[in-house]
Amino acid sequence: MRKLCLLAVLISPLACAQVVSVETNSLMRLPNTASTLQLDRLEVADYGTLLIPSNVTEVTVGELHLGRDARIAIVPSEQALELKVSRAELAEGSQITARGAPGTYQKAARSGRNLNLQIKALKAPQLLVDARGGAGAPGFVGLDGANGQPPGCTWGQAGRGADGSDGSNGQPGAPGALVKLAVPREYPAEQIKVQVAGGAGGLAGPGGKPGAGGKAKGCFIYKADGGKSGKPGADGQPGPAGAAGSVTVQRL
C-alpha cells in the first residue's frame, strides 16, 4: 500500500494518504519525477536514511518521525529546498543533512544546499542540521623525474637524474549553506545545533620524486662515476577553506 501511495504522488497528490516508511538500517530515495511532494506521514526508523533528490525543491509533511540516528539526507543542488513539517518527533542522534559534495580531480566541491526548514510542532532532544560545504579536491601529484643514463666505458660520464615536477595546489573548499529555520517559540535555543562551516581546503599535491643518476660502471681502463640524482619537486599549497554559510532562526 505504501508503494502504491508513493506512486500516486507522481500522478495525483490528492489520490490517497501519502505514507512513506524507511525501515531500520536501510536507505530509501524519494522519486525524482516531481519537484514538489506532499506526504501525510514520513517515518524513518532507527539508523535509516531517506534521500531527497536534487531536483525536489519542496516537501510538505504532516507527521515526521525520525528514529535513533536516522537521517534525512538532501542531495546538493543550486536550488534551495523548502521542507515544511506540521508535527515532528525526532529521536536522539537523528539529523537532517544538506551537506555539499567533496571535490574530485574532475569536479569542484559542491556547496551545502540552502535549506528553509519549518516545523510547527517539535518534540526532540536536539534539532540537528548539517549543511557544511564540501571539501576541496586535493592537488595533483608532481611527476617523478627520469633516471640518468649510465656511462659508457669509452665515452662520457653518467647522466644526471631529472628533477621531479612540483605538486599542484589543493582546490578551495565549497561554502556552507544558508539555513533558515522556523520552529516553535517554546523550543529551547540551546537544543538547536546547525553546522554551516565551509568545506576544508584540498590537500596539497606532493612533489614528484627525483630521478636517480646513472649508476657507476667499472671498465677495464677506468671506472666511470655515477651521475647525480635530481631534485625532488616542491609540494603544492593546501587549498583555502570555503566560506561559512549562515543560520536564521524564526519563532512561530
C-alpha atoms as a PDB file:
ATOM      1  CA  MET A   1       0.000   0.000   0.000  1.00  0.00           C
ATOM      2  CA  ARG A   2       2.817   2.403   0.878  1.00  0.00           C
ATOM      3  CA  LYS A   3       4.405   1.814  -2.539  1.00  0.00           C
ATOM      4  CA  LEU A   4       1.109   2.463  -4.271  1.00  0.00           C
ATOM      5  CA  CYS A   5       0.668   5.712  -2.367  1.00  0.00           C
ATOM      6  CA  LEU A   6       4.189   6.825  -3.186  1.00  0.00           C
ATOM      7  CA  LEU A   7       3.484   6.129  -6.850  1.00  0.00           C
ATOM      8  CA  ALA A   8       0.329   8.191  -6.564  1.00  0.00           C
ATOM      9  CA  VAL A   9       2.420  11.229  -5.673  1.00  0.00           C
ATOM     10  CA  LEU A  10       3.632  11.193  -9.256  1.00  0.00           C
ATOM     11  CA  ILE A  11       0.097  11.083 -10.666  1.00  0.00           C
ATOM     12  CA  SER A  12      -2.162  12.953  -8.289  1.00  0.00           C
ATOM     13  CA  PRO A  13      -1.025  14.434  -4.967  1.00  0.00           C
ATOM     14  CA  LEU A  14      -4.532  14.015  -3.563  1.00  0.00           C
ATOM     15  CA  ALA A  15      -5.093  10.444  -4.743  1.00  0.00           C
ATOM     16  CA  CYS A  16      -4.668   8.860  -1.286  1.00  0.00           C
ATOM     17  CA  ALA A  17      -2.962   9.329   2.052  1.00  0.00           C
ATOM     18  CA  GLN A  18       0.757   9.533   1.346  1.00  0.00           C
ATOM     19  CA  VAL A  19       2.720   7.455   3.854  1.00  0.00           C
ATOM     20  CA  VAL A  20       6.426   6.774   3.421  1.00  0.00           C
ATOM     21  CA  SER A  21       8.322   4.468   5.784  1.00  0.00           C
ATOM     22  CA  VAL A  22      12.032   3.694   5.773  1.00  0.00           C
ATOM     23  CA  GLU A  23      12.994   0.510   7.588  1.00  0.00           C
ATOM     24  CA  THR A  24      15.793   0.109  10.122  1.00  0.00           C
ATOM     25  CA  ASN A  25      19.322   0.238   8.638  1.00  0.00           C
ATOM     26  CA  SER A  26      18.010   0.862   5.136  1.00  0.00           C
ATOM     27  CA  LEU A  27      18.075   3.603   2.508  1.00  0.00           C
ATOM     28  CA  MET A  28      15.132   4.918   0.506  1.00  0.00           C
ATOM     29  CA  ARG A  29      15.202   7.538  -2.226  1.00  0.00           C
ATOM     30  CA  LEU A  30      12.194   9.721  -2.947  1.00  0.00           C
ATOM     31  CA  PRO A  31      11.094   9.813  -6.608  1.00  0.00           C
ATOM     32  CA  ASN A  32      12.747  12.480  -8.744  1.00  0.00           C
ATOM     33  CA  THR A  33       9.948  12.852 -11.273  1.00  0.00           C
ATOM     34  CA  ALA A  34       8.273  15.746  -9.436  1.00  0.00           C
ATOM     35  CA  SER A  35       9.794  18.839  -7.843  1.00  0.00           C
ATOM     36  CA  THR A  36       7.071  19.090  -5.167  1.00  0.00           C
ATOM     37  CA  LEU A  37       5.992  16.268  -2.861  1.00  0.00           C
ATOM     38  CA  GLN A  38       3.285  16.164  -0.210  1.00  0.00           C
ATOM     39  CA  LEU A  39       3.298  13.430   2.466  1.00  0.00           C
ATOM     40  CA  ASP A  40       0.807  12.844   5.249  1.00  0.00           C
ATOM     41  CA  ARG A  41       3.335  10.858   7.254  1.00  0.00           C
ATOM     42  CA  LEU A  42       7.062  10.215   6.935  1.00  0.00           C
ATOM     43  CA  GLU A  43       8.758   7.720   9.240  1.00  0.00           C
ATOM     44  CA  VAL A  44      12.449   6.827   9.170  1.00  0.00           C
ATOM     45  CA  ALA A  45      13.298   4.005  11.574  1.00  0.00           C
ATOM     46  CA  ASP A  46      16.485   3.711  13.636  1.00  0.00           C
ATOM     47  CA  TYR A  47      19.670   4.132  11.554  1.00  0.00           C
ATOM     48  CA  GLY A  48      17.654   4.525   8.358  1.00  0.00           C
ATOM     49  CA  THR A  49      18.163   7.202   5.703  1.00  0.00           C
ATOM     50  CA  LEU A  50      15.707   8.975   3.411  1.00  0.00           C
ATOM     51  CA  LEU A  51      17.346  10.584   0.378  1.00  0.00           C
ATOM     52  CA  ILE A  52      15.791  13.693  -1.178  1.00  0.00           C
ATOM     53  CA  PRO A  53      16.943  14.113  -4.832  1.00  0.00           C
ATOM     54  CA  SER A  54      18.476  17.296  -6.184  1.00  0.00           C
ATOM     55  CA  ASN A  55      15.501  18.229  -8.374  1.00  0.00           C
ATOM     56  CA  VAL A  56      12.998  18.157  -5.490  1.00  0.00           C
ATOM     57  CA  THR A  57      12.542  21.718  -4.249  1.00  0.00           C
ATOM     58  CA  GLU A  58       9.592  21.422  -1.844  1.00  0.00           C
ATOM     59  CA  VAL A  59       8.472  18.686   0.546  1.00  0.00           C
ATOM     60  CA  THR A  60       5.457  19.101   2.826  1.00  0.00           C
ATOM     61  CA  VAL A  61       4.986  16.562   5.645  1.00  0.00           C
ATOM     62  CA  GLY A  62       2.075  16.211   8.054  1.00  0.00           C
ATOM     63  CA  GLU A  63       3.790  13.983  10.640  1.00  0.00           C
ATOM     64  CA  LEU A  64       7.535  13.324  10.718  1.00  0.00           C
ATOM     65  CA  HIS A  65       9.137  10.629  12.878  1.00  0.00           C
ATOM     66  CA  LEU A  66      12.891  10.062  12.872  1.00  0.00           C
ATOM     67  CA  GLY A  67      14.283   7.120  14.865  1.00  0.00           C
ATOM     68  CA  ARG A  68      17.616   6.945  16.655  1.00  0.00           C
ATOM     69  CA  ASP A  69      20.479   8.105  14.395  1.00  0.00           C
ATOM     70  CA  ALA A  70      18.042   8.288  11.463  1.00  0.00           C
ATOM     71  CA  ARG A  71      18.708  10.815   8.715  1.00  0.00           C
ATOM     72  CA  ILE A  72      17.041  12.844   6.042  1.00  0.00           C
ATOM     73  CA  ALA A  73      19.841  13.359   3.516  1.00  0.00           C
ATOM     74  CA  ILE A  74      19.382  16.132   0.944  1.00  0.00           C
ATOM     75  CA  VAL A  75      21.365  15.865  -2.300  1.00  0.00           C
ATOM     76  CA  PRO A  76      23.345  19.019  -3.239  1.00  0.00           C
ATOM     77  CA  SER A  77      21.731  21.401  -5.717  1.00  0.00           C
ATOM     78  CA  GLU A  78      21.858  25.045  -6.750  1.00  0.00           C
ATOM     79  CA  GLN A  79      18.174  25.297  -5.820  1.00  0.00           C
ATOM     80  CA  ALA A  80      17.104  25.674  -2.192  1.00  0.00           C
ATOM     81  CA  LEU A  81      14.849  23.083  -0.574  1.00  0.00           C
ATOM     82  CA  GLU A  82      11.666  24.012   1.283  1.00  0.00           C
ATOM     83  CA  LEU A  83      10.872  21.408   3.965  1.00  0.00           C
ATOM     84  CA  LYS A  84       7.632  22.122   5.814  1.00  0.00           C
ATOM     85  CA  VAL A  85       6.550  19.894   8.698  1.00  0.00           C
ATOM     86  CA  SER A  86       3.378  20.202  10.762  1.00  0.00           C
ATOM     87  CA  ARG A  87       4.434  17.875  13.623  1.00  0.00           C
ATOM     88  CA  ALA A  88       7.865  16.320  14.174  1.00  0.00           C
ATOM     89  CA  GLU A  89       9.162  13.799  16.710  1.00  0.00           C
ATOM     90  CA  LEU A  90      12.914  13.274  16.472  1.00  0.00           C
ATOM     91  CA  ALA A  91      14.870  10.665  18.446  1.00  0.00           C
ATOM     92  CA  GLU A  92      18.399  11.010  19.843  1.00  0.00           C
ATOM     93  CA  GLY A  93      21.089  11.367  17.176  1.00  0.00           C
ATOM     94  CA  SER A  94      18.685  11.919  14.284  1.00  0.00           C
ATOM     95  CA  GLN A  95      19.533  14.718  11.887  1.00  0.00           C
ATOM     96  CA  ILE A  96      18.811  16.485   8.637  1.00  0.00           C
ATOM     97  CA  THR A  97      21.833  16.764   6.362  1.00  0.00           C
ATOM     98  CA  ALA A  98      22.216  19.109   3.408  1.00  0.00           C
ATOM     99  CA  ARG A  99      25.982  18.816   3.066  1.00  0.00           C
ATOM    100  CA  GLY A 100      27.859  19.707  -0.075  1.00  0.00           C
ATOM    101  CA  ALA A 101      29.801  17.098  -2.028  1.00  0.00           C
ATOM    102  CA  PRO A 102      33.608  16.859  -1.837  1.00  0.00           C
ATOM    103  CA  GLY A 103      35.607  17.867  -4.873  1.00  0.00           C
ATOM    104  CA  THR A 104      37.342  15.399  -7.160  1.00  0.00           C
ATOM    105  CA  TYR A 105      40.027  15.726  -9.818  1.00  0.00           C
ATOM    106  CA  GLN A 106      37.216  16.154 -12.368  1.00  0.00           C
ATOM    107  CA  LYS A 107      34.695  18.250 -10.396  1.00  0.00           C
ATOM    108  CA  ALA A 108      34.857  21.164  -7.985  1.00  0.00           C
ATOM    109  CA  ALA A 109      33.468  20.804  -4.474  1.00  0.00           C
ATOM    110  CA  ARG A 110      29.722  21.465  -4.067  1.00  0.00           C
ATOM    111  CA  SER A 111      28.221  23.928  -1.608  1.00  0.00           C
ATOM    112  CA  GLY A 112      25.884  22.877   1.159  1.00  0.00           C
ATOM    113  CA  ARG A 113      22.314  23.045  -0.091  1.00  0.00           C
ATOM    114  CA  ASN A 114      20.340  26.078   1.036  1.00  0.00           C
ATOM    115  CA  LEU A 115      17.505  24.930   3.274  1.00  0.00           C
ATOM    116  CA  ASN A 116      14.291  26.543   4.516  1.00  0.00           C
ATOM    117  CA  LEU A 117      13.006  24.293   7.317  1.00  0.00           C
ATOM    118  CA  GLN A 118       9.695  24.971   9.049  1.00  0.00           C
ATOM    119  CA  ILE A 119       8.440  22.801  11.918  1.00  0.00           C
ATOM    120  CA  LYS A 120       5.215  23.918  13.596  1.00  0.00           C
ATOM    121  CA  ALA A 121       5.243  21.413  16.498  1.00  0.00           C
ATOM    122  CA  LEU A 122       8.532  19.821  17.604  1.00  0.00           C
ATOM    123  CA  LYS A 123       9.420  17.162  20.152  1.00  0.00           C
ATOM    124  CA  ALA A 124      13.138  16.349  20.135  1.00  0.00           C
ATOM    125  CA  PRO A 125      16.160  16.296  22.495  1.00  0.00           C
ATOM    126  CA  GLN A 126      18.015  18.197  19.770  1.00  0.00           C
ATOM    127  CA  LEU A 127      17.371  19.583  16.320  1.00  0.00           C
ATOM    128  CA  LEU A 128      20.499  18.720  14.330  1.00  0.00           C
ATOM    129  CA  VAL A 129      21.114  20.164  10.855  1.00  0.00           C
ATOM    130  CA  ASP A 130      24.371  19.650   8.960  1.00  0.00           C
ATOM    131  CA  ALA A 131      24.736  21.905   5.915  1.00  0.00           C
ATOM    132  CA  ARG A 132      28.520  22.250   5.645  1.00  0.00           C
ATOM    133  CA  GLY A 133      30.271  22.776   2.339  1.00  0.00           C
ATOM    134  CA  GLY A 134      32.162  20.002   0.579  1.00  0.00           C
ATOM    135  CA  ALA A 135      35.914  19.631   0.970  1.00  0.00           C
ATOM    136  CA  GLY A 136      38.115  20.819  -1.876  1.00  0.00           C
ATOM    137  CA  ALA A 137      39.807  18.389  -4.239  1.00  0.00           C
ATOM    138  CA  PRO A 138      43.447  17.510  -3.498  1.00  0.00           C
ATOM    139  CA  GLY A 139      46.229  18.874  -5.658  1.00  0.00           C
ATOM    140  CA  PHE A 140      47.800  16.735  -8.359  1.00  0.00           C
ATOM    141  CA  VAL A 141      50.936  14.781  -7.517  1.00  0.00           C
ATOM    142  CA  GLY A 142      54.046  16.039  -9.303  1.00  0.00           C
ATOM    143  CA  LEU A 143      55.629  13.796 -11.928  1.00  0.00           C
ATOM    144  CA  ASP A 144      58.719  11.814 -10.946  1.00  0.00           C
ATOM    145  CA  GLY A 145      61.979  12.765 -12.620  1.00  0.00           C
ATOM    146  CA  ALA A 146      63.513  10.361 -15.147  1.00  0.00           C
ATOM    147  CA  ASN A 147      66.638   8.419 -14.199  1.00  0.00           C
ATOM    148  CA  GLY A 148      70.003   9.403 -15.683  1.00  0.00           C
ATOM    149  CA  GLN A 149      71.648   7.238 -18.331  1.00  0.00           C
ATOM    150  CA  PRO A 150      74.589   5.000 -17.283  1.00  0.00           C
ATOM    151  CA  PRO A 151      78.027   5.903 -18.694  1.00  0.00           C
ATOM    152  CA  GLY A 152      79.856   4.061 -21.438  1.00  0.00           C
ATOM    153  CA  CYS A 153      83.347   2.606 -20.986  1.00  0.00           C
ATOM    154  CA  THR A 154      84.859   4.592 -23.854  1.00  0.00           C
ATOM    155  CA  TRP A 155      82.878   7.800 -23.704  1.00  0.00           C
ATOM    156  CA  GLY A 156      81.313  10.354 -21.439  1.00  0.00           C
ATOM    157  CA  GLN A 157      80.004  10.168 -17.936  1.00  0.00           C
ATOM    158  CA  ALA A 158      76.801   9.085 -16.262  1.00  0.00           C
ATOM    159  CA  GLY A 159      73.764  11.251 -16.842  1.00  0.00           C
ATOM    160  CA  ARG A 160      72.189  13.293 -14.049  1.00  0.00           C
ATOM    161  CA  GLY A 161      68.740  12.306 -12.833  1.00  0.00           C
ATOM    162  CA  ALA A 162      65.963  14.684 -13.817  1.00  0.00           C
ATOM    163  CA  ASP A 163      64.202  16.816 -11.219  1.00  0.00           C
ATOM    164  CA  GLY A 164      60.706  15.871 -10.060  1.00  0.00           C
ATOM    165  CA  SER A 165      57.990  18.349 -11.025  1.00  0.00           C
ATOM    166  CA  ASP A 166      56.135  20.397  -8.430  1.00  0.00           C
ATOM    167  CA  GLY A 167      52.830  19.240  -6.992  1.00  0.00           C
ATOM    168  CA  SER A 168      49.803  21.462  -7.630  1.00  0.00           C
ATOM    169  CA  ASN A 169      47.824  23.350  -5.013  1.00  0.00           C
ATOM    170  CA  GLY A 170      44.732  21.910  -3.364  1.00  0.00           C
ATOM    171  CA  GLN A 171      41.386  23.271  -4.551  1.00  0.00           C
ATOM    172  CA  PRO A 172      39.162  25.548  -2.429  1.00  0.00           C
ATOM    173  CA  GLY A 173      36.516  24.100  -0.161  1.00  0.00           C
ATOM    174  CA  ALA A 174      32.894  24.924  -1.012  1.00  0.00           C
ATOM    175  CA  PRO A 175      30.762  27.377   1.008  1.00  0.00           C
ATOM    176  CA  GLY A 176      28.364  26.279   3.705  1.00  0.00           C
ATOM    177  CA  ALA A 177      24.630  26.634   3.121  1.00  0.00           C
ATOM    178  CA  LEU A 178      22.164  29.358   4.001  1.00  0.00           C
ATOM    179  CA  VAL A 179      19.785  27.777   6.517  1.00  0.00           C
ATOM    180  CA  LYS A 180      16.520  29.371   7.612  1.00  0.00           C
ATOM    181  CA  LEU A 181      14.687  27.707  10.497  1.00  0.00           C
ATOM    182  CA  ALA A 182      11.162  28.360  11.698  1.00  0.00           C
ATOM    183  CA  VAL A 183      10.478  26.450  14.947  1.00  0.00           C
ATOM    184  CA  PRO A 184       8.018  26.703  17.857  1.00  0.00           C
ATOM    185  CA  ARG A 185       8.575  29.629  20.211  1.00  0.00           C
ATOM    186  CA  GLU A 186       8.909  27.344  23.241  1.00  0.00           C
ATOM    187  CA  TYR A 187      11.605  25.085  21.765  1.00  0.00           C
ATOM    188  CA  PRO A 188      14.906  25.790  23.630  1.00  0.00           C
ATOM    189  CA  ALA A 189      17.527  27.633  21.588  1.00  0.00           C
ATOM    190  CA  GLU A 190      20.365  25.594  23.138  1.00  0.00           C
ATOM    191  CA  GLN A 191      18.894  22.434  21.617  1.00  0.00           C
ATOM    192  CA  ILE A 192      19.227  23.773  18.074  1.00  0.00           C
ATOM    193  CA  LYS A 193      22.544  22.694  16.508  1.00  0.00           C
ATOM    194  CA  VAL A 194      23.199  23.829  12.926  1.00  0.00           C
ATOM    195  CA  GLN A 195      26.534  23.399  11.130  1.00  0.00           C
ATOM    196  CA  VAL A 196      27.193  25.663   8.136  1.00  0.00           C
ATOM    197  CA  ALA A 197      31.004  25.815   8.053  1.00  0.00           C
ATOM    198  CA  GLY A 198      32.722  25.987   4.686  1.00  0.00           C
ATOM    199  CA  GLY A 199      34.415  22.853   3.415  1.00  0.00           C
ATOM    200  CA  ALA A 200      38.067  22.234   4.209  1.00  0.00           C
ATOM    201  CA  GLY A 201      40.576  23.170   1.540  1.00  0.00           C
ATOM    202  CA  GLY A 202      42.022  20.371  -0.576  1.00  0.00           C
ATOM    203  CA  LEU A 203      45.283  18.752   0.452  1.00  0.00           C
ATOM    204  CA  ALA A 204      48.457  19.930  -1.226  1.00  0.00           C
ATOM    205  CA  GLY A 205      49.752  17.815  -4.076  1.00  0.00           C
ATOM    206  CA  PRO A 206      53.121  16.254  -3.136  1.00  0.00           C
ATOM    207  CA  GLY A 207      56.089  16.991  -5.346  1.00  0.00           C
ATOM    208  CA  GLY A 208      57.445  14.371  -7.730  1.00  0.00           C
ATOM    209  CA  LYS A 209      60.341  12.141  -6.707  1.00  0.00           C
ATOM    210  CA  PRO A 210      63.794  12.925  -8.073  1.00  0.00           C
ATOM    211  CA  GLY A 211      65.248  10.813 -10.829  1.00  0.00           C
ATOM    212  CA  ALA A 212      68.282   8.713  -9.862  1.00  0.00           C
ATOM    213  CA  GLY A 213      71.618   9.476 -11.513  1.00  0.00           C
ATOM    214  CA  GLY A 214      73.141   6.969 -13.899  1.00  0.00           C
ATOM    215  CA  LYS A 215      74.843   4.166 -11.989  1.00  0.00           C
ATOM    216  CA  ALA A 216      78.646   3.925 -11.771  1.00  0.00           C
ATOM    217  CA  LYS A 217      80.245   1.460 -14.132  1.00  0.00           C
ATOM    218  CA  GLY A 218      83.544  -0.423 -13.796  1.00  0.00           C
ATOM    219  CA  CYS A 219      85.606  -0.665 -17.006  1.00  0.00           C
ATOM    220  CA  PHE A 220      88.970  -2.232 -17.939  1.00  0.00           C
ATOM    221  CA  ILE A 221      90.787   1.080 -18.238  1.00  0.00           C
ATOM    222  CA  TYR A 222      88.932   3.309 -15.783  1.00  0.00           C
ATOM    223  CA  LYS A 223      85.855   3.452 -13.594  1.00  0.00           C
ATOM    224  CA  ALA A 224      83.025   5.722 -14.719  1.00  0.00           C
ATOM    225  CA  ASP A 225      81.432   7.504 -11.798  1.00  0.00           C
ATOM    226  CA  GLY A 226      77.713   7.545 -11.272  1.00  0.00           C
ATOM    227  CA  GLY A 227      75.637  10.634 -12.041  1.00  0.00           C
ATOM    228  CA  LYS A 228      73.981  12.876  -9.502  1.00  0.00           C
ATOM    229  CA  SER A 229      70.355  12.412  -8.603  1.00  0.00           C
ATOM    230  CA  GLY A 230      67.850  15.118  -9.495  1.00  0.00           C
ATOM    231  CA  LYS A 231      65.987  17.291  -7.036  1.00  0.00           C
ATOM    232  CA  PRO A 232      62.543  16.435  -5.645  1.00  0.00           C
ATOM    233  CA  GLY A 233      59.652  18.586  -6.779  1.00  0.00           C
ATOM    234  CA  ALA A 234      58.174  21.077  -4.328  1.00  0.00           C
ATOM    235  CA  ASP A 235      54.880  20.294  -2.610  1.00  0.00           C
ATOM    236  CA  GLY A 236      51.901  22.429  -3.574  1.00  0.00           C
ATOM    237  CA  GLN A 237      49.946  24.572  -1.130  1.00  0.00           C
ATOM    238  CA  PRO A 238      46.770  23.459   0.701  1.00  0.00           C
ATOM    239  CA  GLY A 239      43.579  24.923  -0.740  1.00  0.00           C
ATOM    240  CA  PRO A 240      41.671  27.611   1.191  1.00  0.00           C
ATOM    241  CA  ALA A 241      38.627  26.675   3.255  1.00  0.00           C
ATOM    242  CA  GLY A 242      35.216  27.559   1.893  1.00  0.00           C
ATOM    243  CA  ALA A 243      33.215  30.484   3.251  1.00  0.00           C
ATOM    244  CA  ALA A 244      30.843  29.802   6.131  1.00  0.00           C
ATOM    245  CA  GLY A 245      27.115  29.834   5.479  1.00  0.00           C
ATOM    246  CA  SER A 246      24.534  31.481   7.723  1.00  0.00           C
ATOM    247  CA  VAL A 247      21.718  30.475  10.089  1.00  0.00           C
ATOM    248  CA  THR A 248      18.499  32.382  10.665  1.00  0.00           C
ATOM    249  CA  VAL A 249      16.032  31.236  13.346  1.00  0.00           C
ATOM    250  CA  GLN A 250      12.420  32.418  13.381  1.00  0.00           C
ATOM    251  CA  ARG A 251       9.950  31.600  16.140  1.00  0.00           C
ATOM    252  CA  LEU A 252       6.421  30.501  15.271  1.00  0.00           C
END
